[in-house]
Amino acid sequence: MIQVSLDTSFLISFADPDRSNHAVAVEYFRHCLAQHIPMWLSVVAAGEFEVGEPVSDLPLQSFRIQPYNLPHAIRAAALVRALRDQPTGTSEDRRPIIINDLKILAQAEEDQIPVILTEDVNTLSRFAARLRQHGDFSVRVLLLSEGFTPGRLVTPDQGELQLPPSTP
């Protein structure tokens, strides 16, 4: 079953019409609603969103709320160890604190949610790519900056066929 997890940056873009990827976030939201694709809202992402704007401003009735539980914490710790133990690991990866991006990644992996929608190219998507590269992770990350490509919800690694505009 197709399911998606919504990262904090997705929520921010979705809620703010002035953000560059607002329209893409809205398209994904509408597509998921129309196709009955469950959209998971991690309580971790909800807490991050609440710092800047009340989470009650979001259409909470459209989301499935995902609590952060012990299995998620254990998976997050394993992801931290996997990043730390990679030859490309940096001092940032060695921090003893499990950052929220890794918590959100761990939740998706633990709950078998195959796709995370995000705008975050700096942290969440980089961590996911490194973990996937080393075989420690199966969740795919779709960046809003890549545009609305609904077929990637099913096959995240493939872009959609871009057809030239039809001529009259």
N, C-alpha and C. Protein backbone atom coordinates (compact mmCIF):
# COMPACT_ATOMS: atom_id res chain seq x y z
N MET A 1 0.83 -1.18 0.00
CA MET A 1 0.00 0.00 0.00
C MET A 1 0.88 1.25 0.00
N ILE A 2 0.56 2.19 -0.84
CA ILE A 2 1.29 3.45 -0.88
C ILE A 2 0.89 4.28 0.33
N GLN A 3 1.90 4.79 1.01
CA GLN A 3 1.71 5.69 2.13
C GLN A 3 2.83 6.71 2.07
N VAL A 4 2.62 7.89 2.65
CA VAL A 4 3.68 8.88 2.69
C VAL A 4 3.78 9.46 4.10
N SER A 5 5.00 9.85 4.43
CA SER A 5 5.26 10.58 5.66
C SER A 5 5.56 12.02 5.25
N LEU A 6 5.09 12.97 6.04
CA LEU A 6 5.27 14.38 5.73
C LEU A 6 6.30 14.98 6.67
N ASP A 7 7.39 15.45 6.12
CA ASP A 7 8.43 16.09 6.90
C ASP A 7 8.00 17.51 7.27
N THR A 8 8.66 18.07 8.27
CA THR A 8 8.35 19.42 8.73
C THR A 8 8.43 20.43 7.60
N SER A 9 9.44 20.33 6.75
CA SER A 9 9.60 21.30 5.67
C SER A 9 8.45 21.19 4.67
N PHE A 10 7.90 19.99 4.48
CA PHE A 10 6.71 19.85 3.64
C PHE A 10 5.57 20.63 4.26
N LEU A 11 5.37 20.46 5.56
CA LEU A 11 4.26 21.13 6.25
C LEU A 11 4.40 22.65 6.16
N ILE A 12 5.62 23.14 6.31
CA ILE A 12 5.85 24.59 6.24
C ILE A 12 5.53 25.10 4.84
N SER A 13 5.99 24.40 3.82
CA SER A 13 5.70 24.81 2.44
C SER A 13 4.20 24.71 2.15
N PHE A 14 3.57 23.69 2.65
CA PHE A 14 2.14 23.49 2.45
C PHE A 14 1.35 24.65 3.06
N ALA A 15 1.75 25.09 4.24
CA ALA A 15 0.99 26.09 4.98
C ALA A 15 1.29 27.53 4.56
N ASP A 16 2.41 27.75 3.87
CA ASP A 16 2.83 29.12 3.56
C ASP A 16 2.79 29.38 2.05
N PRO A 17 1.79 30.13 1.58
CA PRO A 17 1.66 30.40 0.14
C PRO A 17 2.84 31.17 -0.44
N ASP A 18 3.66 31.78 0.39
CA ASP A 18 4.81 32.53 -0.10
C ASP A 18 6.04 31.66 -0.33
N ARG A 19 6.00 30.41 0.07
CA ARG A 19 7.15 29.51 -0.12
C ARG A 19 7.22 29.07 -1.58
N SER A 20 8.43 28.87 -2.06
CA SER A 20 8.62 28.54 -3.48
C SER A 20 8.00 27.19 -3.87
N ASN A 21 7.89 26.27 -2.93
CA ASN A 21 7.34 24.95 -3.26
C ASN A 21 5.93 24.74 -2.72
N HIS A 22 5.25 25.84 -2.40
CA HIS A 22 3.89 25.74 -1.85
C HIS A 22 2.95 25.00 -2.82
N ALA A 23 2.96 25.39 -4.09
CA ALA A 23 2.05 24.78 -5.06
C ALA A 23 2.30 23.28 -5.20
N VAL A 24 3.55 22.88 -5.17
CA VAL A 24 3.88 21.45 -5.28
C VAL A 24 3.36 20.70 -4.05
N ALA A 25 3.56 21.27 -2.87
CA ALA A 25 3.07 20.64 -1.65
C ALA A 25 1.55 20.49 -1.69
N VAL A 26 0.87 21.52 -2.14
CA VAL A 26 -0.60 21.46 -2.24
C VAL A 26 -1.03 20.40 -3.24
N GLU A 27 -0.31 20.29 -4.36
CA GLU A 27 -0.65 19.26 -5.36
C GLU A 27 -0.49 17.86 -4.78
N TYR A 28 0.61 17.62 -4.07
CA TYR A 28 0.79 16.31 -3.44
C TYR A 28 -0.31 16.03 -2.43
N PHE A 29 -0.63 17.03 -1.61
CA PHE A 29 -1.70 16.87 -0.62
C PHE A 29 -3.02 16.50 -1.31
N ARG A 30 -3.40 17.25 -2.32
CA ARG A 30 -4.67 16.97 -3.03
C ARG A 30 -4.64 15.60 -3.71
N HIS A 31 -3.50 15.27 -4.30
CA HIS A 31 -3.38 13.97 -4.96
C HIS A 31 -3.54 12.83 -3.95
N CYS A 32 -2.87 12.96 -2.81
CA CYS A 32 -2.99 11.92 -1.79
C CYS A 32 -4.43 11.79 -1.29
N LEU A 33 -5.11 12.90 -1.09
CA LEU A 33 -6.52 12.85 -0.69
C LEU A 33 -7.37 12.16 -1.75
N ALA A 34 -7.21 12.57 -3.01
CA ALA A 34 -8.02 12.02 -4.10
C ALA A 34 -7.77 10.53 -4.30
N GLN A 35 -6.52 10.10 -4.10
CA GLN A 35 -6.16 8.70 -4.32
C GLN A 35 -6.23 7.86 -3.04
N HIS A 36 -6.68 8.46 -1.96
CA HIS A 36 -6.80 7.78 -0.67
C HIS A 36 -5.45 7.22 -0.20
N ILE A 37 -4.40 8.01 -0.40
CA ILE A 37 -3.07 7.64 0.04
C ILE A 37 -2.88 8.19 1.45
N PRO A 38 -2.67 7.33 2.43
CA PRO A 38 -2.49 7.82 3.80
C PRO A 38 -1.28 8.74 3.92
N MET A 39 -1.50 9.88 4.58
CA MET A 39 -0.44 10.85 4.84
C MET A 39 -0.19 10.84 6.34
N TRP A 40 1.01 10.42 6.72
CA TRP A 40 1.38 10.30 8.13
C TRP A 40 2.04 11.58 8.61
N LEU A 41 1.58 12.08 9.73
CA LEU A 41 2.16 13.26 10.37
C LEU A 41 2.81 12.79 11.67
N SER A 42 4.13 12.79 11.66
CA SER A 42 4.88 12.41 12.85
C SER A 42 4.68 13.47 13.93
N VAL A 43 4.56 13.03 15.18
CA VAL A 43 4.48 14.00 16.28
C VAL A 43 5.78 14.79 16.38
N VAL A 44 6.87 14.23 15.89
CA VAL A 44 8.15 14.94 15.87
C VAL A 44 8.04 16.13 14.91
N ALA A 45 7.54 15.90 13.71
CA ALA A 45 7.36 16.97 12.73
C ALA A 45 6.32 17.98 13.23
N ALA A 46 5.28 17.48 13.87
CA ALA A 46 4.24 18.38 14.41
C ALA A 46 4.84 19.32 15.45
N GLY A 47 5.71 18.80 16.30
CA GLY A 47 6.36 19.64 17.30
C GLY A 47 7.26 20.69 16.68
N GLU A 48 8.00 20.29 15.64
CA GLU A 48 8.85 21.26 14.94
C GLU A 48 8.01 22.35 14.28
N PHE A 49 6.91 21.95 13.66
CA PHE A 49 6.03 22.91 13.00
C PHE A 49 5.44 23.90 14.02
N GLU A 50 5.07 23.38 15.17
CA GLU A 50 4.43 24.19 16.21
C GLU A 50 5.33 25.33 16.68
N VAL A 51 6.63 25.19 16.55
CA VAL A 51 7.55 26.25 16.95
C VAL A 51 7.24 27.55 16.20
N GLY A 52 6.90 27.44 14.92
CA GLY A 52 6.67 28.62 14.10
C GLY A 52 5.21 28.95 13.86
N GLU A 53 4.36 27.95 13.95
CA GLU A 53 2.94 28.14 13.64
C GLU A 53 2.15 27.04 14.35
N PRO A 54 0.96 27.36 14.82
CA PRO A 54 0.18 26.33 15.50
C PRO A 54 -0.14 25.15 14.58
N VAL A 55 0.12 23.96 15.06
CA VAL A 55 -0.14 22.76 14.27
C VAL A 55 -1.64 22.65 13.98
N SER A 56 -2.45 23.28 14.79
CA SER A 56 -3.90 23.27 14.57
C SER A 56 -4.29 24.03 13.30
N ASP A 57 -3.35 24.80 12.72
CA ASP A 57 -3.61 25.47 11.44
C ASP A 57 -3.60 24.49 10.27
N LEU A 58 -3.07 23.30 10.49
CA LEU A 58 -3.01 22.27 9.45
C LEU A 58 -4.34 21.51 9.40
N PRO A 59 -4.66 20.90 8.27
CA PRO A 59 -5.88 20.09 8.17
C PRO A 59 -5.65 18.72 8.84
N LEU A 60 -5.59 18.72 10.15
CA LEU A 60 -5.23 17.51 10.90
C LEU A 60 -6.15 16.33 10.61
N GLN A 61 -7.40 16.61 10.28
CA GLN A 61 -8.34 15.53 9.99
C GLN A 61 -7.93 14.74 8.74
N SER A 62 -7.05 15.29 7.92
CA SER A 62 -6.61 14.62 6.70
C SER A 62 -5.37 13.76 6.92
N PHE A 63 -4.77 13.85 8.10
CA PHE A 63 -3.54 13.13 8.38
C PHE A 63 -3.77 12.00 9.38
N ARG A 64 -2.89 11.02 9.30
CA ARG A 64 -2.82 10.00 10.34
C ARG A 64 -1.67 10.41 11.26
N ILE A 65 -1.97 10.54 12.52
CA ILE A 65 -0.96 10.98 13.48
C ILE A 65 -0.08 9.80 13.86
N GLN A 66 1.23 10.00 13.78
CA GLN A 66 2.20 8.95 14.03
C GLN A 66 2.96 9.27 15.33
N PRO A 67 2.65 8.55 16.40
CA PRO A 67 3.38 8.80 17.66
C PRO A 67 4.83 8.32 17.54
N TYR A 68 5.67 8.84 18.41
CA TYR A 68 7.06 8.40 18.48
C TYR A 68 7.17 7.46 19.66
N ASN A 69 7.47 6.20 19.38
CA ASN A 69 7.47 5.14 20.39
C ASN A 69 8.84 4.50 20.54
N LEU A 70 8.94 3.58 21.47
CA LEU A 70 10.21 2.90 21.75
C LEU A 70 10.81 2.24 20.50
N PRO A 71 10.05 1.51 19.68
CA PRO A 71 10.67 0.93 18.48
C PRO A 71 11.26 1.99 17.54
N HIS A 72 10.62 3.16 17.49
CA HIS A 72 11.16 4.26 16.67
C HIS A 72 12.47 4.75 17.26
N ALA A 73 12.53 4.89 18.57
CA ALA A 73 13.75 5.36 19.24
C ALA A 73 14.90 4.38 19.03
N ILE A 74 14.61 3.11 19.11
CA ILE A 74 15.65 2.09 18.90
C ILE A 74 16.13 2.12 17.46
N ARG A 75 15.20 2.28 16.51
CA ARG A 75 15.58 2.36 15.09
C ARG A 75 16.40 3.63 14.84
N ALA A 76 16.01 4.75 15.44
CA ALA A 76 16.75 6.00 15.27
C ALA A 76 18.18 5.85 15.78
N ALA A 77 18.35 5.20 16.91
CA ALA A 77 19.70 4.98 17.45
C ALA A 77 20.52 4.12 16.48
N ALA A 78 19.88 3.11 15.89
CA ALA A 78 20.58 2.27 14.92
C ALA A 78 21.00 3.07 13.69
N LEU A 79 20.14 3.99 13.26
CA LEU A 79 20.49 4.84 12.12
C LEU A 79 21.66 5.76 12.45
N VAL A 80 21.67 6.30 13.65
CA VAL A 80 22.79 7.14 14.08
C VAL A 80 24.09 6.33 14.06
N ARG A 81 24.04 5.10 14.60
CA ARG A 81 25.24 4.25 14.59
C ARG A 81 25.68 3.94 13.16
N ALA A 82 24.71 3.67 12.28
CA ALA A 82 25.05 3.36 10.89
C ALA A 82 25.73 4.55 10.22
N LEU A 83 25.23 5.75 10.45
CA LEU A 83 25.87 6.94 9.88
C LEU A 83 27.24 7.17 10.48
N ARG A 84 27.34 7.01 11.78
CA ARG A 84 28.60 7.24 12.48
C ARG A 84 29.68 6.28 12.01
N ASP A 85 29.29 5.05 11.73
CA ASP A 85 30.25 4.01 11.36
C ASP A 85 30.64 4.03 9.89
N GLN A 86 29.98 4.84 9.08
CA GLN A 86 30.34 4.94 7.67
C GLN A 86 31.66 5.70 7.53
N PRO A 87 32.48 5.30 6.58
CA PRO A 87 33.75 6.00 6.37
C PRO A 87 33.55 7.48 6.06
N THR A 88 32.39 7.84 5.50
CA THR A 88 32.12 9.23 5.15
C THR A 88 31.50 9.99 6.30
N GLY A 89 31.39 9.36 7.46
CA GLY A 89 30.78 10.02 8.61
C GLY A 89 31.55 11.26 9.01
N THR A 90 30.82 12.27 9.45
CA THR A 90 31.43 13.53 9.87
C THR A 90 31.25 13.68 11.37
N SER A 91 31.91 14.67 11.93
CA SER A 91 31.75 14.93 13.36
C SER A 91 30.30 15.25 13.69
N GLU A 92 29.58 15.83 12.76
CA GLU A 92 28.14 16.12 12.96
C GLU A 92 27.37 14.81 13.19
N ASP A 93 27.76 13.74 12.48
CA ASP A 93 27.08 12.46 12.62
C ASP A 93 27.38 11.80 13.96
N ARG A 94 28.42 12.23 14.64
CA ARG A 94 28.84 11.59 15.88
C ARG A 94 28.19 12.23 17.12
N ARG A 95 27.33 13.22 16.89
CA ARG A 95 26.65 13.84 18.03
C ARG A 95 25.83 12.79 18.77
N PRO A 96 25.84 12.82 20.08
CA PRO A 96 25.09 11.83 20.84
C PRO A 96 23.58 12.06 20.80
N ILE A 97 23.16 13.25 20.40
CA ILE A 97 21.73 13.56 20.33
C ILE A 97 21.19 13.05 19.00
N ILE A 98 20.04 12.42 19.04
CA ILE A 98 19.40 11.96 17.82
C ILE A 98 18.56 13.12 17.30
N ILE A 99 19.00 13.70 16.18
CA ILE A 99 18.28 14.84 15.65
C ILE A 99 16.92 14.42 15.10
N ASN A 100 16.03 15.39 15.01
CA ASN A 100 14.66 15.10 14.61
C ASN A 100 14.55 14.49 13.23
N ASP A 101 15.42 14.87 12.30
CA ASP A 101 15.36 14.28 10.97
C ASP A 101 15.55 12.76 11.04
N LEU A 102 16.49 12.32 11.86
CA LEU A 102 16.70 10.87 11.99
C LEU A 102 15.53 10.19 12.69
N LYS A 103 14.87 10.89 13.59
CA LYS A 103 13.67 10.33 14.23
C LYS A 103 12.57 10.12 13.19
N ILE A 104 12.39 11.11 12.32
CA ILE A 104 11.36 11.01 11.28
C ILE A 104 11.71 9.90 10.29
N LEU A 105 12.97 9.79 9.92
CA LEU A 105 13.40 8.70 9.04
C LEU A 105 13.18 7.35 9.71
N ALA A 106 13.52 7.26 10.98
CA ALA A 106 13.36 6.00 11.72
C ALA A 106 11.89 5.60 11.80
N GLN A 107 11.02 6.56 12.03
CA GLN A 107 9.60 6.25 12.10
C GLN A 107 9.11 5.67 10.77
N ALA A 108 9.48 6.31 9.67
CA ALA A 108 9.05 5.82 8.37
C ALA A 108 9.58 4.41 8.11
N GLU A 109 10.85 4.20 8.41
CA GLU A 109 11.45 2.88 8.20
C GLU A 109 10.78 1.82 9.09
N GLU A 110 10.63 2.13 10.35
CA GLU A 110 10.05 1.18 11.31
C GLU A 110 8.60 0.84 10.96
N ASP A 111 7.85 1.83 10.51
CA ASP A 111 6.42 1.63 10.21
C ASP A 111 6.18 1.29 8.74
N GLN A 112 7.24 1.07 8.00
CA GLN A 112 7.19 0.66 6.60
C GLN A 112 6.39 1.64 5.73
N ILE A 113 6.67 2.91 5.94
CA ILE A 113 6.11 3.96 5.10
C ILE A 113 7.18 4.25 4.05
N PRO A 114 6.91 3.92 2.79
CA PRO A 114 7.99 3.91 1.79
C PRO A 114 8.49 5.25 1.29
N VAL A 115 7.73 6.34 1.52
CA VAL A 115 8.09 7.62 0.94
C VAL A 115 7.94 8.74 1.96
N ILE A 116 8.90 9.66 1.96
CA ILE A 116 8.80 10.89 2.75
C ILE A 116 8.80 12.06 1.78
N LEU A 117 7.81 12.93 1.92
CA LEU A 117 7.76 14.16 1.14
C LEU A 117 8.43 15.26 1.95
N THR A 118 9.36 15.97 1.33
CA THR A 118 10.13 16.97 2.06
C THR A 118 10.64 18.06 1.12
N GLU A 119 11.07 19.14 1.72
CA GLU A 119 11.76 20.19 1.01
C GLU A 119 13.23 20.22 1.44
N ASP A 120 13.57 19.41 2.41
CA ASP A 120 14.89 19.42 3.06
C ASP A 120 15.94 18.70 2.22
N VAL A 121 16.76 19.50 1.53
CA VAL A 121 17.84 18.92 0.72
C VAL A 121 19.14 18.81 1.51
N ASN A 122 19.21 19.46 2.66
CA ASN A 122 20.47 19.53 3.40
C ASN A 122 20.66 18.43 4.43
N THR A 123 19.64 18.02 5.10
CA THR A 123 19.84 17.06 6.19
C THR A 123 19.08 15.77 5.94
N LEU A 124 17.77 15.83 6.02
CA LEU A 124 16.95 14.61 5.92
C LEU A 124 17.26 13.84 4.64
N SER A 125 17.25 14.50 3.51
CA SER A 125 17.48 13.78 2.25
C SER A 125 18.92 13.26 2.15
N ARG A 126 19.88 13.99 2.69
CA ARG A 126 21.26 13.51 2.68
C ARG A 126 21.44 12.28 3.57
N PHE A 127 20.87 12.34 4.76
CA PHE A 127 20.95 11.17 5.65
C PHE A 127 20.30 9.96 4.98
N ALA A 128 19.13 10.15 4.41
CA ALA A 128 18.43 9.04 3.76
C ALA A 128 19.26 8.46 2.62
N ALA A 129 19.86 9.31 1.81
CA ALA A 129 20.67 8.84 0.69
C ALA A 129 21.87 8.04 1.18
N ARG A 130 22.54 8.53 2.21
CA ARG A 130 23.70 7.81 2.75
C ARG A 130 23.30 6.47 3.33
N LEU A 131 22.20 6.43 4.05
CA LEU A 131 21.74 5.18 4.64
C LEU A 131 21.33 4.19 3.56
N ARG A 132 20.66 4.66 2.52
CA ARG A 132 20.25 3.78 1.41
C ARG A 132 21.49 3.26 0.68
N GLN A 133 22.47 4.12 0.47
CA GLN A 133 23.68 3.73 -0.24
C GLN A 133 24.39 2.58 0.46
N HIS A 134 24.35 2.57 1.76
CA HIS A 134 25.03 1.53 2.53
C HIS A 134 24.11 0.39 2.93
N GLY A 135 22.89 0.37 2.39
CA GLY A 135 21.99 -0.75 2.61
C GLY A 135 21.31 -0.77 3.96
N ASP A 136 21.32 0.35 4.67
CA ASP A 136 20.73 0.38 6.01
C ASP A 136 19.32 0.94 6.03
N PHE A 137 18.75 1.20 4.86
CA PHE A 137 17.52 1.99 4.83
C PHE A 137 16.77 1.74 3.53
N SER A 138 15.45 1.70 3.57
CA SER A 138 14.68 1.46 2.34
C SER A 138 13.75 2.61 1.96
N VAL A 139 13.51 3.54 2.85
CA VAL A 139 12.59 4.64 2.58
C VAL A 139 13.18 5.58 1.52
N ARG A 140 12.33 6.06 0.64
CA ARG A 140 12.73 7.00 -0.41
C ARG A 140 12.26 8.40 -0.03
N VAL A 141 13.03 9.39 -0.43
CA VAL A 141 12.71 10.78 -0.15
C VAL A 141 12.38 11.47 -1.47
N LEU A 142 11.23 12.14 -1.51
CA LEU A 142 10.86 12.94 -2.68
C LEU A 142 10.94 14.41 -2.30
N LEU A 143 11.74 15.13 -3.05
CA LEU A 143 11.94 16.55 -2.79
C LEU A 143 10.91 17.39 -3.54
N LEU A 144 10.31 18.32 -2.84
CA LEU A 144 9.33 19.21 -3.46
C LEU A 144 9.96 20.01 -4.59
N SER A 145 11.24 20.32 -4.49
CA SER A 145 11.93 21.10 -5.51
C SER A 145 12.00 20.37 -6.85
N GLU A 146 11.74 19.06 -6.85
CA GLU A 146 11.74 18.29 -8.09
C GLU A 146 10.40 18.34 -8.79
N GLY A 147 9.44 19.07 -8.21
CA GLY A 147 8.13 19.23 -8.83
C GLY A 147 7.17 18.12 -8.46
N PHE A 148 5.95 18.30 -8.88
CA PHE A 148 4.89 17.33 -8.61
C PHE A 148 4.96 16.20 -9.63
N THR A 149 5.35 15.03 -9.16
CA THR A 149 5.45 13.85 -10.01
C THR A 149 4.78 12.69 -9.28
N PRO A 150 3.46 12.58 -9.40
CA PRO A 150 2.73 11.60 -8.60
C PRO A 150 3.14 10.15 -8.84
N GLY A 151 3.64 9.84 -10.02
CA GLY A 151 4.09 8.47 -10.29
C GLY A 151 5.25 8.06 -9.39
N ARG A 152 6.01 9.03 -8.89
CA ARG A 152 7.14 8.72 -8.02
C ARG A 152 6.67 8.26 -6.64
N LEU A 153 5.42 8.46 -6.30
CA LEU A 153 4.92 7.91 -5.04
C LEU A 153 4.92 6.39 -5.10
N VAL A 154 4.72 5.85 -6.29
CA VAL A 154 4.74 4.40 -6.49
C VAL A 154 6.16 3.91 -6.78
N THR A 155 6.87 4.65 -7.64
CA THR A 155 8.23 4.29 -8.03
C THR A 155 9.11 5.51 -7.79
N PRO A 156 9.56 5.71 -6.55
CA PRO A 156 10.26 6.95 -6.19
C PRO A 156 11.56 7.21 -6.95
N ASP A 157 12.22 6.19 -7.43
CA ASP A 157 13.51 6.40 -8.10
C ASP A 157 13.37 6.84 -9.55
N GLN A 158 12.17 6.78 -10.08
CA GLN A 158 12.01 7.11 -11.49
C GLN A 158 11.27 8.43 -11.64
N GLY A 159 11.73 9.23 -12.55
CA GLY A 159 11.01 10.44 -12.92
C GLY A 159 9.87 10.06 -13.83
N GLU A 160 9.00 10.97 -14.08
CA GLU A 160 7.91 10.69 -14.99
C GLU A 160 8.33 11.03 -16.41
N LEU A 161 7.75 10.36 -17.34
CA LEU A 161 8.02 10.61 -18.75
C LEU A 161 7.55 12.02 -19.08
N GLN A 162 8.47 12.82 -19.56
CA GLN A 162 8.14 14.19 -19.92
C GLN A 162 7.85 14.25 -21.43
N LEU A 163 6.60 14.42 -21.77
CA LEU A 163 6.20 14.50 -23.17
C LEU A 163 6.23 15.95 -23.63
N PRO A 164 6.62 16.17 -24.88
CA PRO A 164 6.58 17.54 -25.38
C PRO A 164 5.13 18.01 -25.48
N PRO A 165 4.90 19.31 -25.40
CA PRO A 165 3.53 19.80 -25.51
C PRO A 165 2.95 19.42 -26.87
N SER A 166 1.67 19.09 -26.87
CA SER A 166 1.04 18.70 -28.13
C SER A 166 0.82 19.96 -28.97
N THR A 167 0.89 19.76 -30.27
CA THR A 167 0.67 20.88 -31.18
C THR A 167 -0.73 20.77 -31.73
N PRO A 168 -1.39 21.92 -31.91
CA PRO A 168 -2.78 21.89 -32.40
C PRO A 168 -2.87 21.47 -33.84
